[in-house]
C-alpha atoms as a PDB file:
ATOM      1  CA  UNK A   1      15.452  12.704  15.400  1.00  0.00           C
ATOM      2  CA  UNK A   2      12.820  14.842  17.124  1.00  0.00           C
ATOM      3  CA  UNK A   3       9.590  13.282  18.341  1.00  0.00           C
ATOM      4  CA  UNK A   4       7.665  15.238  15.682  1.00  0.00           C
ATOM      5  CA  UNK A   5       9.933  13.912  12.928  1.00  0.00           C
ATOM      6  CA  UNK A   6       9.643  10.385  14.327  1.00  0.00           C
ATOM      7  CA  UNK A   7       5.856  10.702  14.323  1.00  0.00           C
ATOM      8  CA  UNK A   8       5.838  11.845  10.677  1.00  0.00           C
ATOM      9  CA  UNK A   9       8.072   8.896   9.769  1.00  0.00           C
ATOM     10  CA  UNK A  10       5.808   6.431  11.594  1.00  0.00           C
ATOM     11  CA  UNK A  11       2.721   7.764   9.815  1.00  0.00           C
ATOM     12  CA  UNK A  12       4.475   7.509   6.442  1.00  0.00           C
ATOM     13  CA  UNK A  13       5.441   3.891   7.124  1.00  0.00           C
ATOM     14  CA  UNK A  14       1.936   3.030   8.347  1.00  0.00           C
ATOM     15  CA  UNK A  15       0.363   4.572   5.267  1.00  0.00           C
ATOM     16  CA  UNK A  16       2.731   2.631   3.022  1.00  0.00           C
ATOM     17  CA  UNK A  17       1.943  -0.604   4.864  1.00  0.00           C
ATOM     18  CA  UNK A  18      -1.835  -0.211   4.644  1.00  0.00           C
ATOM     19  CA  UNK A  19      -1.948   1.031   1.047  1.00  0.00           C
ATOM     20  CA  UNK A  20       0.869  -0.856  -0.647  1.00  0.00           C
ATOM     21  CA  UNK A  21       1.339  -3.981   1.464  1.00  0.00           C
ATOM     22  CA  UNK A  22      -2.258  -4.781   2.490  1.00  0.00           C
ATOM     23  CA  UNK A  23      -3.832  -3.048  -0.560  1.00  0.00           C
ATOM     24  CA  UNK A  24      -6.454  -1.359   1.597  1.00  0.00           C
ATOM     25  CA  UNK A  25      -8.406   1.769   0.689  1.00  0.00           C
ATOM     26  CA  UNK A  26      -6.971   4.094   3.298  1.00  0.00           C
ATOM     27  CA  UNK A  27      -9.184   7.186   3.471  1.00  0.00           C
ATOM     28  CA  UNK A  28      -7.808   8.824   6.620  1.00  0.00           C
ATOM     29  CA  UNK A  29      -4.604   8.530   8.601  1.00  0.00           C
ATOM     30  CA  UNK A  30      -3.750  10.721  11.567  1.00  0.00           C
ATOM     31  CA  UNK A  31      -1.851  10.710  14.838  1.00  0.00           C
ATOM     32  CA  UNK A  32      -3.773   9.346  17.795  1.00  0.00           C
ATOM     33  CA  UNK A  33      -5.610  11.999  19.792  1.00  0.00           C
ATOM     34  CA  UNK A  34      -3.879  10.705  22.908  1.00  0.00           C
ATOM     35  CA  UNK A  35      -0.803   8.461  22.973  1.00  0.00           C
ATOM     36  CA  UNK A  36      -0.462   5.568  23.176  1.00  0.00           C
ATOM     37  CA  UNK A  37      -1.407   4.251  20.606  1.00  0.00           C
ATOM     38  CA  UNK A  38       0.486   6.035  17.828  1.00  0.00           C
ATOM     39  CA  UNK A  39      -2.057   6.503  15.034  1.00  0.00           C
ATOM     40  CA  UNK A  40      -5.608   6.006  13.806  1.00  0.00           C
ATOM     41  CA  UNK A  41      -6.506   4.829  10.314  1.00  0.00           C
ATOM     42  CA  UNK A  42      -9.865   4.700   8.551  1.00  0.00           C
ATOM     43  CA  UNK A  43     -10.351   1.992   5.920  1.00  0.00           C
ATOM     44  CA  UNK A  44     -13.264   2.273   3.483  1.00  0.00           C
ATOM     45  CA  UNK A  45     -14.500  -0.773   1.606  1.00  0.00           C
ATOM     46  CA  UNK A  46     -16.079  -0.888  -1.859  1.00  0.00           C
ATOM     47  CA  UNK A  47     -19.597  -0.785  -0.409  1.00  0.00           C
ATOM     48  CA  UNK A  48     -18.818   2.363   1.570  1.00  0.00           C
ATOM     49  CA  UNK A  49     -18.534   0.789   4.999  1.00  0.00           C
ATOM     50  CA  UNK A  50     -15.637   1.916   7.148  1.00  0.00           C
ATOM     51  CA  UNK A  51     -13.377   0.261   9.694  1.00  0.00           C
ATOM     52  CA  UNK A  52     -11.375   2.218  12.255  1.00  0.00           C
ATOM     53  CA  UNK A  53      -7.952   0.834  13.170  1.00  0.00           C
ATOM     54  CA  UNK A  54      -5.880   2.171  16.060  1.00  0.00           C
ATOM     55  CA  UNK A  55      -2.188   1.343  15.644  1.00  0.00           C
ATOM     56  CA  UNK A  56       0.658   1.053  18.088  1.00  0.00           C
ATOM     57  CA  UNK A  57       3.974   0.781  16.214  1.00  0.00           C
ATOM     58  CA  UNK A  58       7.478  -0.477  16.941  1.00  0.00           C
ATOM     59  CA  UNK A  59      10.490  -0.685  14.663  1.00  0.00           C
ATOM     60  CA  UNK A  60      12.147  -4.095  14.550  1.00  0.00           C
ATOM     61  CA  UNK A  61      15.914  -4.512  14.880  1.00  0.00           C
ATOM     62  CA  UNK A  62      17.729  -7.836  14.819  1.00  0.00           C
ATOM     63  CA  UNK A  63      20.072  -6.566  17.545  1.00  0.00           C
ATOM     64  CA  UNK A  64      17.450  -5.367  20.003  1.00  0.00           C
ATOM     65  CA  UNK A  65      18.581  -6.354  23.515  1.00  0.00           C
ATOM     66  CA  UNK A  66      16.675  -9.253  25.022  1.00  0.00           C
ATOM     67  CA  UNK A  67      15.434  -7.167  27.952  1.00  0.00           C
ATOM     68  CA  UNK A  68      14.387  -4.284  25.712  1.00  0.00           C
ATOM     69  CA  UNK A  69      16.593  -1.862  27.626  1.00  0.00           C
ATOM     70  CA  UNK A  70      18.545   0.775  25.712  1.00  0.00           C
ATOM     71  CA  UNK A  71      17.240  -0.045  22.252  1.00  0.00           C
ATOM     72  CA  UNK A  72      19.150  -1.306  19.238  1.00  0.00           C
ATOM     73  CA  UNK A  73      22.907  -0.623  19.444  1.00  0.00           C
ATOM     74  CA  UNK A  74      23.061  -0.220  15.657  1.00  0.00           C
ATOM     75  CA  UNK A  75      20.265   2.356  15.768  1.00  0.00           C
ATOM     76  CA  UNK A  76      22.144   4.369  18.386  1.00  0.00           C
ATOM     77  CA  UNK A  77      25.337   4.263  16.301  1.00  0.00           C
ATOM     78  CA  UNK A  78      23.375   5.247  13.196  1.00  0.00           C
ATOM     79  CA  UNK A  79      21.914   8.235  15.046  1.00  0.00           C
ATOM     80  CA  UNK A  80      25.417   9.326  16.083  1.00  0.00           C
ATOM     81  CA  UNK A  81      26.793   9.011  12.558  1.00  0.00           C
ATOM     82  CA  UNK A  82      23.880  10.919  11.032  1.00  0.00           C
ATOM     83  CA  UNK A  83      24.619  13.823  13.386  1.00  0.00           C
ATOM     84  CA  UNK A  84      28.249  13.794  12.319  1.00  0.00           C
ATOM     85  CA  UNK A  85      27.471  13.516   8.615  1.00  0.00           C
ATOM     86  CA  UNK A  86      25.141  16.520   8.802  1.00  0.00           C
ATOM     87  CA  UNK A  87      28.212  18.588   9.726  1.00  0.00           C
ATOM     88  CA  UNK A  88      30.792  16.594   7.779  1.00  0.00           C
ATOM     89  CA  UNK A  89      29.305  16.214   4.287  1.00  0.00           C
ATOM     90  CA  UNK A  90      28.962  19.926   3.427  1.00  0.00           C
ATOM     91  CA  UNK A  91      32.612  20.478   4.345  1.00  0.00           C
ATOM     92  CA  UNK A  92      33.772  17.519   2.266  1.00  0.00           C
ATOM     93  CA  UNK A  93      31.894  18.969  -0.719  1.00  0.00           C
ATOM     94  CA  UNK A  94      34.059  22.074  -0.390  1.00  0.00           C
ATOM     95  CA  UNK A  95      37.380  20.461   0.590  1.00  0.00           C
ATOM     96  CA  UNK A  96      37.159  17.603  -1.957  1.00  0.00           C
ATOM     97  CA  UNK A  97      39.805  15.495  -0.278  1.00  0.00           C
ATOM     98  CA  UNK A  98      41.151  12.448  -2.190  1.00  0.00           C
ATOM     99  CA  UNK A  99      41.055  10.235   0.905  1.00  0.00           C
ATOM    100  CA  UNK A 100      38.690   7.437   1.822  1.00  0.00           C
ATOM    101  CA  UNK A 101      37.939   7.356   5.557  1.00  0.00           C
ATOM    102  CA  UNK A 102      36.359   4.488   7.463  1.00  0.00           C
ATOM    103  CA  UNK A 103      35.513   5.091  11.128  1.00  0.00           C
ATOM    104  CA  UNK A 104      34.872   2.390  13.691  1.00  0.00           C
ATOM    105  CA  UNK A 105      33.057   3.816  16.716  1.00  0.00           C
ATOM    106  CA  UNK A 106      33.240   2.454  20.213  1.00  0.00           C
ATOM    107  CA  UNK A 107      29.892   1.063  21.268  1.00  0.00           C
ATOM    108  CA  UNK A 108      27.497   1.893  22.582  1.00  0.00           C
ATOM    109  CA  UNK A 109      28.243   5.494  21.651  1.00  0.00           C
ATOM    110  CA  UNK A 110      26.145   8.542  22.438  1.00  0.00           C
ATOM    111  CA  UNK A 111      27.354  11.831  20.961  1.00  0.00           C
ATOM    112  CA  UNK A 112      25.695  15.055  22.050  1.00  0.00           C
ATOM    113  CA  UNK A 113      24.384  17.323  19.299  1.00  0.00           C
ATOM    114  CA  UNK A 114      26.684  20.141  20.392  1.00  0.00           C
ATOM    115  CA  UNK A 115      29.740  17.904  19.762  1.00  0.00           C
ATOM    116  CA  UNK A 116      28.864  16.844  16.194  1.00  0.00           C
ATOM    117  CA  UNK A 117      30.603  19.803  14.545  1.00  0.00           C
ATOM    118  CA  UNK A 118      33.767  19.334  16.624  1.00  0.00           C
ATOM    119  CA  UNK A 119      33.791  15.603  15.883  1.00  0.00           C
ATOM    120  CA  UNK A 120      33.571  16.310  12.140  1.00  0.00           C
ATOM    121  CA  UNK A 121      36.367  18.870  12.430  1.00  0.00           C
ATOM    122  CA  UNK A 122      38.621  16.394  14.249  1.00  0.00           C
ATOM    123  CA  UNK A 123      37.979  13.741  11.591  1.00  0.00           C
ATOM    124  CA  UNK A 124      38.931  16.121   8.795  1.00  0.00           C
ATOM    125  CA  UNK A 125      42.075  17.311  10.565  1.00  0.00           C
ATOM    126  CA  UNK A 126      43.082  13.721  11.320  1.00  0.00           C
ATOM    127  CA  UNK A 127      42.562  12.642   7.696  1.00  0.00           C
ATOM    128  CA  UNK A 128      44.583  15.590   6.423  1.00  0.00           C
ATOM    129  CA  UNK A 129      47.420  14.938   8.872  1.00  0.00           C
ATOM    130  CA  UNK A 130      47.717  11.159   8.443  1.00  0.00           C
ATOM    131  CA  UNK A 131      46.569  10.459   4.874  1.00  0.00           C
ATOM    132  CA  UNK A 132      48.918   7.896   3.214  1.00  0.00           C
ATOM    133  CA  UNK A 133      51.358   9.346   0.713  1.00  0.00           C
ATOM    134  CA  UNK A 134      51.138   6.465  -1.781  1.00  0.00           C
ATOM    135  CA  UNK A 135      48.124   5.971  -4.049  1.00  0.00           C
ATOM    136  CA  UNK A 136      45.671   3.315  -2.746  1.00  0.00           C
ATOM    137  CA  UNK A 137      47.803   2.629   0.318  1.00  0.00           C
ATOM    138  CA  UNK A 138      45.796   2.088   3.497  1.00  0.00           C
ATOM    139  CA  UNK A 139      46.779   2.927   7.067  1.00  0.00           C
ATOM    140  CA  UNK A 140      44.929   1.913  10.221  1.00  0.00           C
ATOM    141  CA  UNK A 141      44.937   3.968  13.408  1.00  0.00           C
ATOM    142  CA  UNK A 142      43.683   3.070  16.874  1.00  0.00           C
ATOM    143  CA  UNK A 143      45.479   5.642  19.024  1.00  0.00           C
ATOM    144  CA  UNK A 144      44.287   9.264  19.045  1.00  0.00           C
ATOM    145  CA  UNK A 145      45.858  12.090  20.999  1.00  0.00           C
ATOM    146  CA  UNK A 146      43.503  13.280  23.717  1.00  0.00           C
ATOM    147  CA  UNK A 147      45.058  16.726  23.440  1.00  0.00           C
ATOM    148  CA  UNK A 148      44.655  17.097  19.664  1.00  0.00           C
ATOM    149  CA  UNK A 149      41.615  14.908  19.031  1.00  0.00           C
ATOM    150  CA  UNK A 150      39.657  14.643  22.313  1.00  0.00           C
ATOM    151  CA  UNK A 151      36.406  13.373  20.760  1.00  0.00           C
ATOM    152  CA  UNK A 152      38.150  10.824  18.533  1.00  0.00           C
ATOM    153  CA  UNK A 153      40.051   9.685  21.628  1.00  0.00           C
ATOM    154  CA  UNK A 154      36.790   9.247  23.531  1.00  0.00           C
ATOM    155  CA  UNK A 155      34.473   7.809  20.889  1.00  0.00           C
ATOM    156  CA  UNK A 156      36.520   6.149  18.123  1.00  0.00           C
ATOM    157  CA  UNK A 157      37.944   2.631  18.187  1.00  0.00           C
ATOM    158  CA  UNK A 158      39.706   2.704  14.802  1.00  0.00           C
ATOM    159  CA  UNK A 159      40.145   4.860  11.687  1.00  0.00           C
ATOM    160  CA  UNK A 160      41.285   3.520   8.316  1.00  0.00           C
ATOM    161  CA  UNK A 161      42.649   5.945   5.716  1.00  0.00           C
ATOM    162  CA  UNK A 162      43.278   5.270   2.021  1.00  0.00           C
ATOM    163  CA  UNK A 163      44.628   7.673  -0.578  1.00  0.00           C
ATOM    164  CA  UNK A 164      42.210   7.449  -3.508  1.00  0.00           C
ATOM    165  CA  UNK A 165      42.330   8.510  -7.144  1.00  0.00           C
ATOM    166  CA  UNK A 166      38.930  10.137  -6.835  1.00  0.00           C
ATOM    167  CA  UNK A 167      37.429  12.805  -4.613  1.00  0.00           C
ATOM    168  CA  UNK A 168      35.581  11.103  -1.759  1.00  0.00           C
ATOM    169  CA  UNK A 169      32.550  13.067  -0.610  1.00  0.00           C
ATOM    170  CA  UNK A 170      30.997  10.569   1.780  1.00  0.00           C
ATOM    171  CA  UNK A 171      33.000   8.967   4.572  1.00  0.00           C
ATOM    172  CA  UNK A 172      32.023   5.681   6.070  1.00  0.00           C
ATOM    173  CA  UNK A 173      31.129   4.267   9.498  1.00  0.00           C
ATOM    174  CA  UNK A 174      32.065   0.585   9.554  1.00  0.00           C
ATOM    175  CA  UNK A 175      29.685  -0.165  12.446  1.00  0.00           C
ATOM    176  CA  UNK A 176      26.886   0.114   9.902  1.00  0.00           C
ATOM    177  CA  UNK A 177      28.501  -1.966   7.172  1.00  0.00           C
ATOM    178  CA  UNK A 178      26.834  -5.295   7.747  1.00  0.00           C
ATOM    179  CA  UNK A 179      24.951  -7.540  10.105  1.00  0.00           C
ATOM    180  CA  UNK A 180      23.023 -10.758  10.230  1.00  0.00           C
ATOM    181  CA  UNK A 181      19.425 -10.134   9.259  1.00  0.00           C
ATOM    182  CA  UNK A 182      16.380 -12.257   9.786  1.00  0.00           C
ATOM    183  CA  UNK A 183      13.285 -12.625  11.888  1.00  0.00           C
ATOM    184  CA  UNK A 184      13.849 -13.551  15.506  1.00  0.00           C
ATOM    185  CA  UNK A 185      10.820 -14.803  17.378  1.00  0.00           C
ATOM    186  CA  UNK A 186      12.376 -13.792  20.702  1.00  0.00           C
ATOM    187  CA  UNK A 187      12.550 -10.166  19.574  1.00  0.00           C
ATOM    188  CA  UNK A 188       8.976 -10.279  18.290  1.00  0.00           C
ATOM    189  CA  UNK A 189       7.772 -11.825  21.541  1.00  0.00           C
ATOM    190  CA  UNK A 190       9.574  -9.225  23.641  1.00  0.00           C
ATOM    191  CA  UNK A 191       8.086  -6.379  21.619  1.00  0.00           C
ATOM    192  CA  UNK A 192       4.573  -7.770  22.003  1.00  0.00           C
ATOM    193  CA  UNK A 193       4.968  -8.268  25.743  1.00  0.00           C
ATOM    194  CA  UNK A 194       6.388  -4.773  26.283  1.00  0.00           C
ATOM    195  CA  UNK A 195       3.760  -3.087  24.143  1.00  0.00           C
ATOM    196  CA  UNK A 196       0.956  -4.981  25.882  1.00  0.00           C
ATOM    197  CA  UNK A 197       2.082  -3.523  29.192  1.00  0.00           C
ATOM    198  CA  UNK A 198       1.284   0.047  28.118  1.00  0.00           C
ATOM    199  CA  UNK A 199      -1.765   1.969  29.284  1.00  0.00           C
ATOM    200  CA  UNK A 200      -3.590   2.653  26.012  1.00  0.00           C
ATOM    201  CA  UNK A 201      -6.334   5.136  25.210  1.00  0.00           C
ATOM    202  CA  UNK A 202      -8.193   3.438  22.367  1.00  0.00           C
ATOM    203  CA  UNK A 203     -10.866   5.120  20.254  1.00  0.00           C
ATOM    204  CA  UNK A 204     -14.251   3.549  20.975  1.00  0.00           C
ATOM    205  CA  UNK A 205     -15.073   0.975  18.317  1.00  0.00           C
ATOM    206  CA  UNK A 206     -11.586   0.848  16.849  1.00  0.00           C
ATOM    207  CA  UNK A 207      -9.724  -2.403  16.323  1.00  0.00           C
ATOM    208  CA  UNK A 208      -6.565  -2.485  18.418  1.00  0.00           C
ATOM    209  CA  UNK A 209      -3.536  -3.144  16.199  1.00  0.00           C
ATOM    210  CA  UNK A 210       0.202  -3.574  16.630  1.00  0.00           C
ATOM    211  CA  UNK A 211       2.593  -3.139  13.693  1.00  0.00           C
ATOM    212  CA  UNK A 212       6.158  -4.386  14.104  1.00  0.00           C
ATOM    213  CA  UNK A 213       8.059  -3.177  11.076  1.00  0.00           C
ATOM    214  CA  UNK A 214      11.563  -3.675   9.728  1.00  0.00           C
ATOM    215  CA  UNK A 215      11.997  -0.433   7.816  1.00  0.00           C
ATOM    216  CA  UNK A 216      15.437  -1.042   6.325  1.00  0.00           C
ATOM    217  CA  UNK A 217      16.487   2.345   7.644  1.00  0.00           C
ATOM    218  CA  UNK A 218      19.601   0.796   9.177  1.00  0.00           C
ATOM    219  CA  UNK A 219      21.433  -2.410   8.392  1.00  0.00           C
ATOM    220  CA  UNK A 220      19.863  -4.218  11.372  1.00  0.00           C
ATOM    221  CA  UNK A 221      16.324  -2.958  10.787  1.00  0.00           C
ATOM    222  CA  UNK A 222      15.787  -5.840   8.396  1.00  0.00           C
ATOM    223  CA  UNK A 223      13.853  -9.074   8.498  1.00  0.00           C
ATOM    224  CA  UNK A 224      15.392 -10.685   5.437  1.00  0.00           C
ATOM    225  CA  UNK A 225      13.412 -12.871   3.044  1.00  0.00           C
ATOM    226  CA  UNK A 226      10.364 -14.818   4.249  1.00  0.00           C
ATOM    227  CA  UNK A 227      11.557 -17.671   6.488  1.00  0.00           C
ATOM    228  CA  UNK A 228      11.792 -20.896   4.455  1.00  0.00           C
ATOM    229  CA  UNK A 229      10.825 -22.895   7.537  1.00  0.00           C
ATOM    230  CA  UNK A 230       7.266 -21.814   8.376  1.00  0.00           C
ATOM    231  CA  UNK A 231       7.462 -23.551  11.739  1.00  0.00           C
ATOM    232  CA  UNK A 232       9.145 -20.378  13.027  1.00  0.00           C
ATOM    233  CA  UNK A 233       5.649 -18.934  13.397  1.00  0.00           C
ATOM    234  CA  UNK A 234       4.649 -21.853  15.648  1.00  0.00           C
ATOM    235  CA  UNK A 235       6.971 -20.707  18.421  1.00  0.00           C
ATOM    236  CA  UNK A 236       5.098 -21.334  21.685  1.00  0.00           C
ATOM    237  CA  UNK A 237       6.252 -18.177  23.437  1.00  0.00           C
ATOM    238  CA  UNK A 238       5.299 -16.032  20.424  1.00  0.00           C
ATOM    239  CA  UNK A 239       1.862 -17.634  20.160  1.00  0.00           C
ATOM    240  CA  UNK A 240       1.271 -17.208  23.898  1.00  0.00           C
ATOM    241  CA  UNK A 241       2.330 -13.546  23.828  1.00  0.00           C
ATOM    242  CA  UNK A 242       0.015 -12.829  20.910  1.00  0.00           C
ATOM    243  CA  UNK A 243      -2.886 -14.632  22.538  1.00  0.00           C
ATOM    244  CA  UNK A 244      -2.491 -12.822  25.854  1.00  0.00           C
ATOM    245  CA  UNK A 245      -1.935  -9.395  24.287  1.00  0.00           C
ATOM    246  CA  UNK A 246      -4.412  -6.529  24.289  1.00  0.00           C
ATOM    247  CA  UNK A 247      -4.313  -6.340  20.485  1.00  0.00           C
ATOM    248  CA  UNK A 248      -6.929  -7.575  18.015  1.00  0.00           C
ATOM    249  CA  UNK A 249      -4.404  -7.639  15.187  1.00  0.00           C
ATOM    250  CA  UNK A 250      -0.615  -8.008  15.217  1.00  0.00           C
ATOM    251  CA  UNK A 251       1.454  -7.677  12.051  1.00  0.00           C
ATOM    252  CA  UNK A 252       5.128  -8.092  11.238  1.00  0.00           C
ATOM    253  CA  UNK A 253       6.208  -6.243   8.073  1.00  0.00           C
ATOM    254  CA  UNK A 254       9.503  -6.534   6.196  1.00  0.00           C
ATOM    255  CA  UNK A 255       9.407  -3.291   4.228  1.00  0.00           C
ATOM    256  CA  UNK A 256      12.429  -3.773   1.934  1.00  0.00           C
ATOM    257  CA  UNK A 257      11.528  -7.321   0.889  1.00  0.00           C
ATOM    258  CA  UNK A 258       7.826  -6.409   0.753  1.00  0.00           C
ATOM    259  CA  UNK A 259       6.356  -9.239   2.766  1.00  0.00           C
ATOM    260  CA  UNK A 260       4.349  -9.418   5.955  1.00  0.00           C
ATOM    261  CA  UNK A 261       2.954 -11.906   8.406  1.00  0.00           C
ATOM    262  CA  UNK A 262      -0.177 -11.491  10.477  1.00  0.00           C
ATOM    263  CA  UNK A 263       0.607 -12.935  13.890  1.00  0.00           C
ATOM    264  CA  UNK A 264      -2.852 -12.474  15.373  1.00  0.00           C
END
């Protein structure tokens, strides 16, 4: 995703959060004049008074590394698979192969844009060459010829093939199939500490806000249902990080489940 596309996505999420989650009258939303922060929002109350909110944003992943280095492994795999699917899906629409393909990528995997088309081509050729002959039979493969399938050899851990009775248009990456979801106070604390270390250019008079959001865009960008044990929010490290932060407001938002928690 380009930085411009990421910025548009962030603004869309922020608008949804302010309008639909907080039920605020959002009258203006725009990118920050100078980053960081990410965006500026104007809220107008019923009596016509306005409040200016400057927002720094960070997407929440349950598998973010503890040191914050490298980002979410699932997000990186998702980015790789989206590149492949952009080249793969149009060809599957034409070929209409009756084979279900599940790919397990080695992790962490980084595939260059220029290799996405070749990767898709190797997957198709592999599926055509090794598809089971018997209906609904499944075969698993974990060895790929470096000469015939160099990218599969480098990036793929396992491929499962199943002859189906229907045309399969969308192939599957098993790395993205499932994960434990839930709110982790360590991840929240790390995000707050890292964001507080930035050199911000705030608009004069604006409230300084941080939005940590679980978008649901990938399987690990989820916070699950509201924690049944509310003592999770009494975590000492989380409270200390919020108190020492540069922000006036800190929110966590679970977009799919439609709940949020104001942390400061």
